[in-house]
Amino acid sequence: MSPEDLQRLIEGVTAQLDGRPLDSELEAWLNTTWPADAPTFRALADACRAGVAAGWLCNREGGGIRYGRIFKALPATHGFSVDVVDMQDIAGPHHIHPHGEIDLIMPLTEGATFDAHPAGWCVYGPGSAHRPTVANGRALVLYLLPQGAIEFTPEPLAETARHD
């Protein structure tokens, strides 16, 4: 498995997403069309696991999260950038999705969830925001971002206790 092989798999998915609104209807369509037991889902999950094992995927680390943008938004990926994160029982940095976000959730630990979603697809609409959270174990999450757009927000400062 190579980055080029993964890109070809992604192109097959993003060709079906091109021009569709990022909403709950798309999420339902994705989970019906490519559920966690479907060949396309398994191929993507296998490719991501192989990329992590080979060291070309999730090759950066920060705050207990391994991550990496494998593809910028490209014509071949229909304007979607592709990021993959490797998270275990952790919440990531808060961010906004200016154009939305499509997530492919691939648990590495049985029962692991991403934002309370099990294995499968999750879609956030334009302007949505969250603090991505993996619970109940470890998971890989593939993010498709239209035009590669993501805006990280400053973390709120913890209140300082006053000791008089």
N, C-alpha and C. Protein backbone atom coordinates (compact mmCIF):
# COMPACT_ATOMS: atom_id res chain seq x y z
N MET A 1 0.86 -1.18 0.00
CA MET A 1 0.00 0.00 0.00
C MET A 1 0.90 1.24 0.00
N SER A 2 0.57 2.16 -0.87
CA SER A 2 1.34 3.40 -0.99
C SER A 2 0.39 4.59 -0.90
N PRO A 3 0.94 5.80 -0.74
CA PRO A 3 0.07 6.98 -0.77
C PRO A 3 -0.74 7.07 -2.07
N GLU A 4 -0.14 6.67 -3.18
CA GLU A 4 -0.85 6.71 -4.46
C GLU A 4 -2.03 5.73 -4.48
N ASP A 5 -1.83 4.56 -3.87
CA ASP A 5 -2.93 3.59 -3.77
C ASP A 5 -4.07 4.16 -2.94
N LEU A 6 -3.73 4.80 -1.82
CA LEU A 6 -4.76 5.41 -0.98
C LEU A 6 -5.47 6.52 -1.74
N GLN A 7 -4.72 7.31 -2.47
CA GLN A 7 -5.34 8.39 -3.23
C GLN A 7 -6.35 7.84 -4.24
N ARG A 8 -6.02 6.74 -4.90
CA ARG A 8 -6.96 6.14 -5.86
C ARG A 8 -8.25 5.69 -5.16
N LEU A 9 -8.10 5.12 -3.98
CA LEU A 9 -9.29 4.72 -3.22
C LEU A 9 -10.14 5.94 -2.84
N ILE A 10 -9.47 6.99 -2.39
CA ILE A 10 -10.16 8.22 -1.99
C ILE A 10 -10.86 8.84 -3.20
N GLU A 11 -10.21 8.85 -4.35
CA GLU A 11 -10.81 9.42 -5.55
C GLU A 11 -12.14 8.75 -5.88
N GLY A 12 -12.22 7.42 -5.67
CA GLY A 12 -13.46 6.71 -5.93
C GLY A 12 -14.59 7.16 -5.01
N VAL A 13 -14.23 7.52 -3.78
CA VAL A 13 -15.23 8.00 -2.82
C VAL A 13 -15.59 9.45 -3.13
N THR A 14 -14.59 10.30 -3.28
CA THR A 14 -14.88 11.73 -3.46
C THR A 14 -15.61 12.01 -4.78
N ALA A 15 -15.44 11.14 -5.78
CA ALA A 15 -16.20 11.32 -7.03
C ALA A 15 -17.69 11.24 -6.76
N GLN A 16 -18.08 10.44 -5.76
CA GLN A 16 -19.48 10.29 -5.40
C GLN A 16 -19.98 11.44 -4.51
N LEU A 17 -19.04 12.19 -3.93
CA LEU A 17 -19.40 13.27 -3.00
C LEU A 17 -19.40 14.64 -3.67
N ASP A 18 -18.76 14.73 -4.81
CA ASP A 18 -18.56 16.00 -5.49
C ASP A 18 -19.89 16.73 -5.70
N GLY A 19 -20.00 17.93 -5.15
CA GLY A 19 -21.17 18.77 -5.34
C GLY A 19 -22.33 18.47 -4.41
N ARG A 20 -22.21 17.46 -3.57
CA ARG A 20 -23.32 17.12 -2.65
C ARG A 20 -23.22 17.97 -1.39
N PRO A 21 -24.36 18.39 -0.84
CA PRO A 21 -24.31 19.12 0.43
C PRO A 21 -23.86 18.22 1.57
N LEU A 22 -23.07 18.78 2.46
CA LEU A 22 -22.61 18.05 3.63
C LEU A 22 -23.66 18.21 4.71
N ASP A 23 -24.47 17.16 4.88
CA ASP A 23 -25.59 17.22 5.82
C ASP A 23 -25.94 15.81 6.28
N SER A 24 -27.01 15.71 7.06
CA SER A 24 -27.42 14.41 7.61
C SER A 24 -27.84 13.43 6.52
N GLU A 25 -28.38 13.93 5.42
CA GLU A 25 -28.73 13.04 4.30
C GLU A 25 -27.49 12.38 3.71
N LEU A 26 -26.41 13.14 3.59
CA LEU A 26 -25.17 12.58 3.07
C LEU A 26 -24.62 11.54 4.05
N GLU A 27 -24.68 11.85 5.34
CA GLU A 27 -24.21 10.88 6.35
C GLU A 27 -24.99 9.57 6.23
N ALA A 28 -26.30 9.65 6.12
CA ALA A 28 -27.12 8.45 5.99
C ALA A 28 -26.77 7.70 4.71
N TRP A 29 -26.57 8.43 3.61
CA TRP A 29 -26.22 7.81 2.33
C TRP A 29 -24.87 7.08 2.44
N LEU A 30 -23.89 7.73 3.04
CA LEU A 30 -22.57 7.11 3.20
C LEU A 30 -22.65 5.83 4.01
N ASN A 31 -23.39 5.88 5.13
CA ASN A 31 -23.48 4.71 6.00
C ASN A 31 -24.30 3.58 5.38
N THR A 32 -25.16 3.91 4.44
CA THR A 32 -25.92 2.89 3.72
C THR A 32 -25.11 2.34 2.55
N THR A 33 -24.43 3.24 1.84
CA THR A 33 -23.67 2.86 0.65
C THR A 33 -22.38 2.13 0.99
N TRP A 34 -21.65 2.64 1.99
CA TRP A 34 -20.36 2.05 2.38
C TRP A 34 -20.33 1.82 3.89
N PRO A 35 -21.16 0.89 4.40
CA PRO A 35 -21.14 0.61 5.84
C PRO A 35 -19.82 -0.04 6.25
N ALA A 36 -19.64 -0.17 7.55
CA ALA A 36 -18.37 -0.68 8.09
C ALA A 36 -18.03 -2.09 7.60
N ASP A 37 -19.01 -2.85 7.14
CA ASP A 37 -18.70 -4.20 6.66
C ASP A 37 -18.61 -4.28 5.13
N ALA A 38 -18.65 -3.12 4.46
CA ALA A 38 -18.60 -3.09 2.99
C ALA A 38 -17.15 -3.15 2.49
N PRO A 39 -16.94 -3.68 1.30
CA PRO A 39 -15.58 -3.76 0.75
C PRO A 39 -14.87 -2.40 0.65
N THR A 40 -15.57 -1.34 0.27
CA THR A 40 -14.93 -0.03 0.16
C THR A 40 -14.45 0.46 1.52
N PHE A 41 -15.28 0.32 2.54
CA PHE A 41 -14.89 0.71 3.89
C PHE A 41 -13.67 -0.09 4.33
N ARG A 42 -13.74 -1.41 4.15
CA ARG A 42 -12.62 -2.26 4.57
C ARG A 42 -11.34 -1.90 3.82
N ALA A 43 -11.45 -1.61 2.53
CA ALA A 43 -10.26 -1.25 1.74
C ALA A 43 -9.64 0.05 2.26
N LEU A 44 -10.48 1.04 2.56
CA LEU A 44 -9.97 2.29 3.12
C LEU A 44 -9.33 2.07 4.48
N ALA A 45 -9.99 1.29 5.34
CA ALA A 45 -9.45 1.02 6.67
C ALA A 45 -8.13 0.26 6.58
N ASP A 46 -8.07 -0.75 5.71
CA ASP A 46 -6.83 -1.51 5.54
C ASP A 46 -5.71 -0.61 5.02
N ALA A 47 -6.04 0.27 4.08
CA ALA A 47 -5.03 1.19 3.53
C ALA A 47 -4.51 2.13 4.61
N CYS A 48 -5.40 2.64 5.43
CA CYS A 48 -4.97 3.55 6.50
C CYS A 48 -4.11 2.83 7.53
N ARG A 49 -4.51 1.62 7.93
CA ARG A 49 -3.69 0.86 8.87
C ARG A 49 -2.31 0.56 8.28
N ALA A 50 -2.28 0.21 7.00
CA ALA A 50 -0.99 -0.08 6.35
C ALA A 50 -0.13 1.18 6.27
N GLY A 51 -0.74 2.32 5.97
CA GLY A 51 0.01 3.58 5.91
C GLY A 51 0.59 3.98 7.25
N VAL A 52 -0.17 3.76 8.32
CA VAL A 52 0.34 4.05 9.67
C VAL A 52 1.50 3.11 9.98
N ALA A 53 1.33 1.82 9.69
CA ALA A 53 2.38 0.84 9.96
C ALA A 53 3.65 1.14 9.17
N ALA A 54 3.49 1.62 7.94
CA ALA A 54 4.65 1.93 7.09
C ALA A 54 5.30 3.28 7.44
N GLY A 55 4.60 4.10 8.22
CA GLY A 55 5.18 5.36 8.66
C GLY A 55 4.89 6.58 7.80
N TRP A 56 4.13 6.43 6.71
CA TRP A 56 3.85 7.59 5.86
C TRP A 56 2.50 8.22 6.19
N LEU A 57 1.74 7.62 7.07
CA LEU A 57 0.46 8.16 7.49
C LEU A 57 0.51 8.38 9.00
N CYS A 58 -0.07 9.47 9.46
CA CYS A 58 -0.03 9.85 10.89
C CYS A 58 1.41 9.94 11.37
N ASN A 59 2.23 10.62 10.58
CA ASN A 59 3.67 10.67 10.88
C ASN A 59 4.08 11.87 11.73
N ARG A 60 3.10 12.56 12.29
CA ARG A 60 3.38 13.66 13.22
C ARG A 60 2.67 13.35 14.52
N GLU A 61 3.14 14.00 15.60
CA GLU A 61 2.51 13.77 16.89
C GLU A 61 2.47 15.07 17.67
N GLY A 62 1.34 15.30 18.32
CA GLY A 62 1.21 16.47 19.18
C GLY A 62 0.07 16.26 20.16
N GLY A 63 0.34 16.51 21.42
CA GLY A 63 -0.69 16.41 22.43
C GLY A 63 -1.30 15.02 22.56
N GLY A 64 -0.52 13.98 22.28
CA GLY A 64 -1.01 12.62 22.40
C GLY A 64 -1.78 12.13 21.19
N ILE A 65 -1.79 12.90 20.11
CA ILE A 65 -2.50 12.53 18.89
C ILE A 65 -1.50 12.42 17.75
N ARG A 66 -1.56 11.32 17.03
CA ARG A 66 -0.75 11.18 15.81
C ARG A 66 -1.63 11.62 14.65
N TYR A 67 -1.05 12.36 13.72
CA TYR A 67 -1.86 12.95 12.65
C TYR A 67 -1.02 13.22 11.43
N GLY A 68 -1.68 13.60 10.35
CA GLY A 68 -0.98 14.02 9.15
C GLY A 68 -1.94 14.28 8.01
N ARG A 69 -1.67 15.34 7.27
CA ARG A 69 -2.43 15.61 6.04
C ARG A 69 -1.70 14.89 4.93
N ILE A 70 -2.34 13.89 4.39
CA ILE A 70 -1.70 13.09 3.34
C ILE A 70 -1.88 13.73 1.97
N PHE A 71 -3.02 14.42 1.76
CA PHE A 71 -3.26 15.09 0.48
C PHE A 71 -3.88 16.45 0.72
N LYS A 72 -3.36 17.44 0.06
CA LYS A 72 -4.03 18.74 0.02
C LYS A 72 -5.26 18.59 -0.86
N ALA A 73 -6.11 19.60 -0.85
CA ALA A 73 -7.27 19.57 -1.75
C ALA A 73 -6.77 19.56 -3.18
N LEU A 74 -7.11 18.52 -3.92
CA LEU A 74 -6.62 18.32 -5.28
C LEU A 74 -7.78 18.15 -6.24
N PRO A 75 -7.59 18.48 -7.52
CA PRO A 75 -8.63 18.16 -8.49
C PRO A 75 -8.95 16.66 -8.51
N ALA A 76 -7.93 15.82 -8.34
CA ALA A 76 -8.14 14.37 -8.37
C ALA A 76 -9.01 13.89 -7.21
N THR A 77 -8.97 14.61 -6.07
CA THR A 77 -9.80 14.25 -4.91
C THR A 77 -11.04 15.13 -4.85
N HIS A 78 -11.36 15.76 -5.97
CA HIS A 78 -12.57 16.57 -6.11
C HIS A 78 -12.63 17.71 -5.10
N GLY A 79 -11.45 18.28 -4.82
CA GLY A 79 -11.38 19.45 -3.95
C GLY A 79 -11.37 19.14 -2.47
N PHE A 80 -11.27 17.87 -2.10
CA PHE A 80 -11.18 17.49 -0.69
C PHE A 80 -9.73 17.27 -0.31
N SER A 81 -9.33 17.80 0.85
CA SER A 81 -8.06 17.40 1.43
C SER A 81 -8.31 16.14 2.25
N VAL A 82 -7.24 15.41 2.54
CA VAL A 82 -7.36 14.16 3.29
C VAL A 82 -6.36 14.18 4.44
N ASP A 83 -6.91 14.08 5.65
CA ASP A 83 -6.11 13.98 6.87
C ASP A 83 -6.49 12.67 7.55
N VAL A 84 -5.55 12.09 8.28
CA VAL A 84 -5.85 10.92 9.09
C VAL A 84 -5.24 11.16 10.47
N VAL A 85 -6.03 10.84 11.50
CA VAL A 85 -5.55 10.94 12.88
C VAL A 85 -5.64 9.57 13.54
N ASP A 86 -4.77 9.36 14.49
CA ASP A 86 -4.73 8.15 15.31
C ASP A 86 -4.89 8.64 16.75
N MET A 87 -6.04 8.33 17.35
CA MET A 87 -6.37 8.86 18.67
C MET A 87 -6.80 7.72 19.60
N GLN A 88 -6.46 7.88 20.87
CA GLN A 88 -6.89 6.90 21.86
C GLN A 88 -7.35 7.61 23.11
N ASP A 89 -8.64 7.47 23.41
CA ASP A 89 -9.23 8.03 24.63
C ASP A 89 -8.76 9.46 24.89
N ILE A 90 -9.02 10.33 23.93
CA ILE A 90 -8.54 11.70 24.01
C ILE A 90 -9.44 12.64 23.21
N ALA A 91 -9.47 13.88 23.63
CA ALA A 91 -10.16 14.93 22.87
C ALA A 91 -9.11 15.79 22.20
N GLY A 92 -9.32 16.06 20.94
CA GLY A 92 -8.39 16.88 20.16
C GLY A 92 -8.72 18.35 20.27
N PRO A 93 -7.99 19.18 19.54
CA PRO A 93 -8.20 20.63 19.61
C PRO A 93 -9.51 21.06 18.94
N HIS A 94 -10.16 22.02 19.56
CA HIS A 94 -11.42 22.55 19.03
C HIS A 94 -11.16 23.22 17.68
N HIS A 95 -12.07 22.98 16.74
CA HIS A 95 -11.94 23.61 15.43
C HIS A 95 -13.29 23.78 14.77
N ILE A 96 -13.30 24.63 13.74
CA ILE A 96 -14.49 24.95 12.96
C ILE A 96 -14.29 24.40 11.55
N HIS A 97 -15.39 23.94 10.97
CA HIS A 97 -15.38 23.44 9.60
C HIS A 97 -16.07 24.47 8.71
N PRO A 98 -15.33 25.37 8.09
CA PRO A 98 -15.97 26.40 7.26
C PRO A 98 -16.89 25.83 6.18
N HIS A 99 -16.48 24.72 5.56
CA HIS A 99 -17.26 24.12 4.48
C HIS A 99 -17.79 22.73 4.84
N GLY A 100 -17.60 22.34 6.09
CA GLY A 100 -18.03 21.03 6.55
C GLY A 100 -16.87 20.05 6.64
N GLU A 101 -17.20 18.84 7.07
CA GLU A 101 -16.19 17.79 7.26
C GLU A 101 -16.88 16.44 7.16
N ILE A 102 -16.22 15.51 6.48
CA ILE A 102 -16.71 14.14 6.39
C ILE A 102 -15.66 13.26 7.06
N ASP A 103 -16.12 12.44 8.00
CA ASP A 103 -15.21 11.59 8.77
C ASP A 103 -15.50 10.12 8.53
N LEU A 104 -14.46 9.36 8.32
CA LEU A 104 -14.54 7.90 8.24
C LEU A 104 -13.92 7.37 9.53
N ILE A 105 -14.73 6.73 10.35
CA ILE A 105 -14.32 6.28 11.68
C ILE A 105 -13.95 4.80 11.61
N MET A 106 -12.68 4.51 11.95
CA MET A 106 -12.15 3.16 11.85
C MET A 106 -11.60 2.72 13.20
N PRO A 107 -12.44 2.13 14.07
CA PRO A 107 -11.95 1.71 15.38
C PRO A 107 -10.83 0.68 15.27
N LEU A 108 -9.79 0.87 16.08
CA LEU A 108 -8.72 -0.12 16.19
C LEU A 108 -8.96 -0.98 17.43
N THR A 109 -9.74 -0.44 18.36
CA THR A 109 -10.19 -1.17 19.54
C THR A 109 -11.68 -1.40 19.37
N GLU A 110 -12.13 -2.62 19.55
CA GLU A 110 -13.56 -2.89 19.41
C GLU A 110 -14.35 -1.99 20.35
N GLY A 111 -15.34 -1.32 19.81
CA GLY A 111 -16.19 -0.44 20.61
C GLY A 111 -15.71 0.99 20.72
N ALA A 112 -14.55 1.30 20.15
CA ALA A 112 -14.07 2.69 20.18
C ALA A 112 -15.02 3.56 19.35
N THR A 113 -15.23 4.79 19.81
CA THR A 113 -16.11 5.72 19.13
C THR A 113 -15.40 7.03 18.85
N PHE A 114 -15.92 7.76 17.86
CA PHE A 114 -15.46 9.10 17.54
C PHE A 114 -16.66 10.02 17.67
N ASP A 115 -16.58 10.97 18.58
CA ASP A 115 -17.72 11.86 18.84
C ASP A 115 -19.00 11.06 19.02
N ALA A 116 -18.88 9.96 19.77
CA ALA A 116 -19.98 9.05 20.10
C ALA A 116 -20.48 8.24 18.91
N HIS A 117 -19.81 8.29 17.76
CA HIS A 117 -20.18 7.50 16.57
C HIS A 117 -19.31 6.25 16.51
N PRO A 118 -19.93 5.08 16.25
CA PRO A 118 -19.14 3.86 16.06
C PRO A 118 -18.51 3.84 14.67
N ALA A 119 -17.96 2.71 14.29
CA ALA A 119 -17.38 2.55 12.96
C ALA A 119 -18.38 2.99 11.90
N GLY A 120 -17.91 3.78 10.96
CA GLY A 120 -18.78 4.27 9.90
C GLY A 120 -18.44 5.70 9.53
N TRP A 121 -19.44 6.42 9.09
CA TRP A 121 -19.27 7.77 8.58
C TRP A 121 -20.00 8.78 9.46
N CYS A 122 -19.42 9.96 9.56
CA CYS A 122 -20.02 11.08 10.29
C CYS A 122 -19.81 12.32 9.43
N VAL A 123 -20.85 13.14 9.30
CA VAL A 123 -20.76 14.34 8.48
C VAL A 123 -21.12 15.56 9.31
N TYR A 124 -20.26 16.55 9.27
CA TYR A 124 -20.51 17.85 9.90
C TYR A 124 -20.75 18.86 8.80
N GLY A 125 -21.79 19.65 8.94
CA GLY A 125 -22.13 20.64 7.94
C GLY A 125 -21.26 21.88 8.00
N PRO A 126 -21.38 22.74 6.99
CA PRO A 126 -20.61 23.99 6.95
C PRO A 126 -20.88 24.83 8.21
N GLY A 127 -19.79 25.39 8.76
CA GLY A 127 -19.88 26.24 9.92
C GLY A 127 -19.95 25.49 11.24
N SER A 128 -19.98 24.17 11.20
CA SER A 128 -20.03 23.38 12.44
C SER A 128 -18.66 23.42 13.13
N ALA A 129 -18.67 23.04 14.39
CA ALA A 129 -17.44 23.03 15.17
C ALA A 129 -17.51 21.90 16.19
N HIS A 130 -16.36 21.42 16.59
CA HIS A 130 -16.32 20.40 17.65
C HIS A 130 -14.91 20.26 18.19
N ARG A 131 -14.84 19.50 19.26
CA ARG A 131 -13.57 19.06 19.82
C ARG A 131 -13.55 17.55 19.59
N PRO A 132 -12.88 17.09 18.53
CA PRO A 132 -12.96 15.67 18.16
C PRO A 132 -12.50 14.78 19.31
N THR A 133 -13.32 13.78 19.61
CA THR A 133 -13.06 12.95 20.78
C THR A 133 -13.19 11.47 20.44
N VAL A 134 -12.15 10.73 20.76
CA VAL A 134 -12.20 9.27 20.66
C VAL A 134 -12.32 8.73 22.08
N ALA A 135 -13.30 7.84 22.27
CA ALA A 135 -13.53 7.23 23.58
C ALA A 135 -13.59 5.71 23.43
N ASN A 136 -13.41 5.03 24.53
CA ASN A 136 -13.52 3.56 24.60
C ASN A 136 -12.44 2.84 23.80
N GLY A 137 -11.27 3.46 23.68
CA GLY A 137 -10.18 2.80 22.98
C GLY A 137 -9.52 3.67 21.93
N ARG A 138 -9.02 3.01 20.92
CA ARG A 138 -8.22 3.67 19.88
C ARG A 138 -8.92 3.57 18.53
N ALA A 139 -8.81 4.66 17.74
CA ALA A 139 -9.41 4.67 16.41
C ALA A 139 -8.58 5.52 15.46
N LEU A 140 -8.64 5.16 14.21
CA LEU A 140 -8.16 6.02 13.13
C LEU A 140 -9.38 6.74 12.59
N VAL A 141 -9.20 8.01 12.26
CA VAL A 141 -10.28 8.78 11.65
C VAL A 141 -9.71 9.49 10.43
N LEU A 142 -10.34 9.27 9.29
CA LEU A 142 -9.96 9.93 8.05
C LEU A 142 -10.90 11.11 7.87
N TYR A 143 -10.33 12.30 7.69
CA TYR A 143 -11.11 13.53 7.51
C TYR A 143 -11.04 13.95 6.05
N LEU A 144 -12.19 14.21 5.47
CA LEU A 144 -12.27 14.84 4.15
C LEU A 144 -12.77 16.26 4.37
N LEU A 145 -11.94 17.23 4.00
CA LEU A 145 -12.28 18.64 4.20
C LEU A 145 -12.41 19.34 2.85
N PRO A 146 -13.61 19.84 2.51
CA PRO A 146 -13.76 20.58 1.26
C PRO A 146 -12.80 21.77 1.24
N GLN A 147 -12.04 21.86 0.17
CA GLN A 147 -11.04 22.91 -0.04
C GLN A 147 -9.97 22.92 1.06
N GLY A 148 -9.88 21.85 1.84
CA GLY A 148 -8.89 21.76 2.90
C GLY A 148 -9.13 22.73 4.04
N ALA A 149 -10.34 23.27 4.13
CA ALA A 149 -10.63 24.35 5.08
C ALA A 149 -10.90 23.82 6.48
N ILE A 150 -10.12 24.33 7.43
CA ILE A 150 -10.30 24.05 8.85
C ILE A 150 -9.75 25.24 9.61
N GLU A 151 -10.42 25.62 10.67
CA GLU A 151 -9.97 26.75 11.49
C GLU A 151 -9.88 26.30 12.93
N PHE A 152 -8.65 26.21 13.43
CA PHE A 152 -8.46 25.86 14.83
C PHE A 152 -8.73 27.08 15.68
N THR A 153 -9.44 26.87 16.78
CA THR A 153 -9.79 27.97 17.67
C THR A 153 -8.89 27.92 18.89
N PRO A 154 -8.65 29.09 19.50
CA PRO A 154 -7.81 29.08 20.69
C PRO A 154 -8.48 28.28 21.80
N GLU A 155 -7.67 27.54 22.51
CA GLU A 155 -8.19 26.78 23.64
C GLU A 155 -8.53 27.76 24.76
N PRO A 156 -9.67 27.56 25.42
CA PRO A 156 -9.99 28.46 26.54
C PRO A 156 -8.96 28.29 27.65
N LEU A 157 -8.60 29.41 28.26
CA LEU A 157 -7.65 29.37 29.35
C LEU A 157 -8.33 28.80 30.59
N ALA A 158 -7.62 27.94 31.28
CA ALA A 158 -8.18 27.40 32.51
C ALA A 158 -8.23 28.51 33.56
N GLU A 159 -9.29 28.51 34.31
CA GLU A 159 -9.40 29.53 35.36
C GLU A 159 -8.34 29.26 36.41
N THR A 160 -7.69 30.31 36.86
CA THR A 160 -6.65 30.18 37.86
C THR A 160 -7.28 30.35 39.23
N ALA A 161 -7.02 29.39 40.08
CA ALA A 161 -7.55 29.46 41.44
C ALA A 161 -6.77 30.54 42.20
N ARG A 162 -7.49 31.30 42.99
CA ARG A 162 -6.85 32.36 43.77
C ARG A 162 -6.67 31.87 45.19
N HIS A 163 -5.48 31.98 45.70
CA HIS A 163 -5.18 31.56 47.04
C HIS A 163 -4.76 32.77 47.86
N ASP A 164 -5.67 33.30 48.69
CA ASP A 164 -5.33 34.46 49.54
C ASP A 164 -4.95 34.04 50.92
